[in-house]
Amino acid sequence: MNQGKTTREIADLMGVAKSTIDSHRLIIRHRLKLTNRKATLQS
């Protein structure tokens, strides 16, 4: 869904807070066992 959008743009599009998007990203990273923050979820 990202398609090159910023966290703020995604939050505005979905009608949620920026922190909500950050929290969901953190959960996804944890489930995928991604510890390197530089690794994007897109790849």
N, C-alpha and C. Protein backbone atom coordinates (compact mmCIF):
# COMPACT_ATOMS: atom_id res chain seq x y z
N MET A 1 0.82 -1.19 0.00
CA MET A 1 0.00 0.00 0.00
C MET A 1 0.86 1.25 0.00
N ASN A 2 2.06 1.16 0.46
CA ASN A 2 2.90 2.35 0.64
C ASN A 2 3.06 3.14 -0.64
N GLN A 3 3.54 2.54 -1.70
CA GLN A 3 3.70 3.20 -2.99
C GLN A 3 4.49 4.49 -2.88
N GLY A 4 5.51 4.52 -2.00
CA GLY A 4 6.36 5.68 -1.88
C GLY A 4 5.81 6.79 -1.03
N LYS A 5 4.76 6.54 -0.27
CA LYS A 5 4.16 7.58 0.56
C LYS A 5 4.86 7.63 1.92
N THR A 6 4.82 8.81 2.54
CA THR A 6 5.41 8.97 3.87
C THR A 6 4.44 8.41 4.92
N THR A 7 4.96 8.25 6.12
CA THR A 7 4.13 7.75 7.22
C THR A 7 2.95 8.69 7.45
N ARG A 8 3.21 10.00 7.40
CA ARG A 8 2.15 10.98 7.61
C ARG A 8 1.08 10.87 6.52
N GLU A 9 1.49 10.69 5.27
CA GLU A 9 0.53 10.56 4.17
C GLU A 9 -0.33 9.31 4.33
N ILE A 10 0.28 8.22 4.75
CA ILE A 10 -0.47 6.98 4.96
C ILE A 10 -1.47 7.17 6.09
N ALA A 11 -1.02 7.80 7.19
CA ALA A 11 -1.91 8.04 8.32
C ALA A 11 -3.09 8.92 7.93
N ASP A 12 -2.83 9.97 7.18
CA ASP A 12 -3.90 10.85 6.73
C ASP A 12 -4.87 10.11 5.81
N LEU A 13 -4.32 9.30 4.92
CA LEU A 13 -5.14 8.54 3.98
C LEU A 13 -6.08 7.58 4.71
N MET A 14 -5.55 6.95 5.77
CA MET A 14 -6.32 5.95 6.52
C MET A 14 -7.13 6.56 7.66
N GLY A 15 -6.88 7.83 7.96
CA GLY A 15 -7.62 8.49 9.02
C GLY A 15 -7.19 8.06 10.42
N VAL A 16 -5.92 7.74 10.58
CA VAL A 16 -5.39 7.33 11.88
C VAL A 16 -4.18 8.20 12.22
N ALA A 17 -3.69 8.04 13.45
CA ALA A 17 -2.53 8.81 13.89
C ALA A 17 -1.24 8.22 13.32
N LYS A 18 -0.23 9.06 13.19
CA LYS A 18 1.09 8.62 12.70
C LYS A 18 1.64 7.52 13.60
N SER A 19 1.42 7.65 14.90
CA SER A 19 1.93 6.66 15.85
C SER A 19 1.29 5.29 15.63
N THR A 20 0.07 5.25 15.12
CA THR A 20 -0.59 3.98 14.82
C THR A 20 0.14 3.27 13.70
N ILE A 21 0.51 4.01 12.67
CA ILE A 21 1.25 3.43 11.55
C ILE A 21 2.61 2.92 12.04
N ASP A 22 3.28 3.71 12.87
CA ASP A 22 4.57 3.31 13.42
C ASP A 22 4.44 2.03 14.24
N SER A 23 3.38 1.93 15.04
CA SER A 23 3.16 0.74 15.86
C SER A 23 2.94 -0.50 15.00
N HIS A 24 2.15 -0.36 13.95
CA HIS A 24 1.89 -1.49 13.06
C HIS A 24 3.17 -1.92 12.34
N ARG A 25 3.98 -0.97 11.94
CA ARG A 25 5.25 -1.30 11.29
C ARG A 25 6.16 -2.07 12.24
N LEU A 26 6.19 -1.65 13.51
CA LEU A 26 7.01 -2.31 14.51
C LEU A 26 6.55 -3.77 14.70
N ILE A 27 5.24 -3.98 14.76
CA ILE A 27 4.70 -5.34 14.91
C ILE A 27 5.06 -6.19 13.70
N ILE A 28 4.94 -5.63 12.50
CA ILE A 28 5.28 -6.37 11.28
C ILE A 28 6.75 -6.75 11.29
N ARG A 29 7.60 -5.79 11.66
CA ARG A 29 9.05 -6.07 11.74
C ARG A 29 9.34 -7.19 12.73
N HIS A 30 8.66 -7.17 13.86
CA HIS A 30 8.87 -8.19 14.88
C HIS A 30 8.46 -9.57 14.35
N ARG A 31 7.31 -9.64 13.70
CA ARG A 31 6.81 -10.92 13.17
C ARG A 31 7.70 -11.46 12.05
N LEU A 32 8.30 -10.56 11.27
CA LEU A 32 9.20 -10.99 10.19
C LEU A 32 10.63 -11.15 10.68
N LYS A 33 10.84 -10.92 11.98
CA LYS A 33 12.16 -11.03 12.59
C LYS A 33 13.18 -10.10 11.93
N LEU A 34 12.74 -8.90 11.61
CA LEU A 34 13.62 -7.89 11.04
C LEU A 34 14.15 -7.02 12.17
N THR A 35 15.44 -7.11 12.43
CA THR A 35 16.02 -6.32 13.51
C THR A 35 16.72 -5.08 12.97
N ASN A 36 17.08 -5.09 11.71
CA ASN A 36 17.75 -3.96 11.09
C ASN A 36 16.72 -2.92 10.65
N ARG A 37 16.71 -1.77 11.31
CA ARG A 37 15.72 -0.74 10.98
C ARG A 37 15.93 -0.16 9.58
N LYS A 38 17.14 -0.32 9.03
CA LYS A 38 17.41 0.21 7.69
C LYS A 38 16.74 -0.63 6.60
N ALA A 39 16.44 -1.89 6.91
CA ALA A 39 15.77 -2.75 5.94
C ALA A 39 14.33 -2.29 5.81
N THR A 40 13.91 -2.02 4.59
CA THR A 40 12.54 -1.53 4.39
C THR A 40 11.57 -2.70 4.36
N LEU A 41 10.35 -2.43 4.71
CA LEU A 41 9.31 -3.45 4.66
C LEU A 41 8.86 -3.70 3.22
N GLN A 42 9.19 -2.77 2.36
CA GLN A 42 8.79 -2.86 0.96
C GLN A 42 9.53 -3.95 0.22
N SER A 43 10.81 -4.17 0.61
CA SER A 43 11.62 -5.15 -0.11
C SER A 43 11.43 -6.56 0.42
